[in-house]
Amino acid sequence: MMQHVPEHREIINSLIDDQVIDHYVVSMEIQTAWITMNAKNKREIKTYLSPSPLFKYWKIEVHELMVWDGQNYRLPAVQLN
């Protein structure tokens, strides 16, 4: 499976560059990946991900998110000189 990783990463990087994927996180410890994507529906998500050579190994669960918040989405603190 590891021989497929470079091609997979090219596809993921392209989707990130195209602003389809916002976040891509992989845990080797539990062999799980989390991907935050922009898509209209579950079918579109599978269409985006299916070119990956790793797609056939995945069990995909899709959940629509209502809120995604964190420090990276806040304005930096103002520091007066």
Protein backbone atom coordinates (compact mmCIF):
# COMPACT_ATOMS: atom_id res chain seq x y z
CA MET A 1 0.00 0.00 0.00
CA MET A 2 2.86 2.40 0.75
CA GLN A 3 3.86 2.41 -2.94
CA HIS A 4 0.55 4.20 -3.63
CA VAL A 5 1.24 7.06 -1.20
CA PRO A 6 3.12 9.38 -3.61
CA GLU A 7 0.33 9.28 -6.21
CA HIS A 8 -2.26 9.66 -3.44
CA ARG A 9 -0.44 12.71 -2.08
CA GLU A 10 -0.39 14.30 -5.54
CA ILE A 11 -4.17 13.97 -5.71
CA ILE A 12 -4.66 15.30 -2.16
CA ASN A 13 -2.25 18.20 -2.79
CA SER A 14 -4.12 19.09 -5.97
CA LEU A 15 -7.46 19.11 -4.09
CA ILE A 16 -5.91 21.31 -1.40
CA ASP A 17 -4.55 23.70 -4.05
CA ASP A 18 -8.00 23.79 -5.68
CA GLN A 19 -9.52 24.65 -2.26
CA VAL A 20 -11.65 21.50 -2.25
CA ILE A 21 -9.86 20.11 0.82
CA ASP A 22 -9.44 22.41 3.81
CA HIS A 23 -7.76 19.96 6.19
CA TYR A 24 -6.17 16.55 5.71
CA VAL A 25 -5.04 14.65 8.82
CA VAL A 26 -3.77 11.08 9.10
CA SER A 27 -3.12 8.99 12.22
CA MET A 28 -0.87 6.01 11.50
CA GLU A 29 -1.44 4.81 15.07
CA ILE A 30 -5.14 4.11 14.48
CA GLN A 31 -4.91 4.06 10.66
CA THR A 32 -7.56 6.74 10.26
CA ALA A 33 -7.75 9.89 8.16
CA TRP A 34 -9.95 12.93 8.61
CA ILE A 35 -10.59 15.23 5.66
CA THR A 36 -12.54 18.49 5.80
CA MET A 37 -13.85 19.19 2.32
CA ASN A 38 -16.03 21.66 0.44
CA ALA A 39 -18.62 19.78 -1.61
CA LYS A 40 -22.30 19.92 -2.47
CA ASN A 41 -23.10 16.36 -1.40
CA LYS A 42 -21.69 12.93 -0.54
CA ARG A 43 -21.57 11.86 -4.18
CA GLU A 44 -19.36 14.84 -5.04
CA ILE A 45 -17.01 13.96 -2.17
CA LYS A 46 -16.62 10.42 -3.48
CA THR A 47 -16.04 11.79 -6.99
CA TYR A 48 -13.20 13.97 -5.69
CA LEU A 49 -11.59 11.16 -3.68
CA SER A 50 -12.11 8.20 -6.03
CA PRO A 51 -9.03 8.90 -8.23
CA SER A 52 -6.81 8.11 -5.24
CA PRO A 53 -5.20 4.66 -5.44
CA LEU A 54 -6.00 4.31 -1.73
CA PHE A 55 -9.73 4.91 -2.24
CA LYS A 56 -10.50 1.19 -2.49
CA TYR A 57 -9.02 0.63 1.00
CA TRP A 58 -11.14 3.29 2.69
CA LYS A 59 -14.35 3.02 4.66
CA ILE A 60 -15.81 6.46 4.09
CA GLU A 61 -18.13 8.23 6.51
CA VAL A 62 -19.42 11.65 5.48
CA HIS A 63 -20.89 14.09 7.97
CA GLU A 64 -22.03 17.63 7.24
CA LEU A 65 -20.45 20.11 9.64
CA MET A 66 -22.36 23.04 11.04
CA VAL A 67 -19.50 24.78 12.89
CA TRP A 68 -15.72 24.55 12.43
CA ASP A 69 -13.91 27.06 14.64
CA GLY A 70 -10.49 27.47 16.17
CA GLN A 71 -7.53 29.80 16.69
CA ASN A 72 -6.60 29.75 13.01
CA TYR A 73 -9.92 31.39 12.14
CA ARG A 74 -9.51 34.35 14.50
CA LEU A 75 -7.88 37.69 13.89
CA PRO A 76 -4.49 38.05 15.55
CA ALA A 77 -4.40 39.85 18.89
CA VAL A 78 -3.65 43.56 18.56
CA GLN A 79 -0.40 44.58 20.26
CA LEU A 80 0.07 48.29 20.77
CA ASN A 81 3.61 49.65 20.59
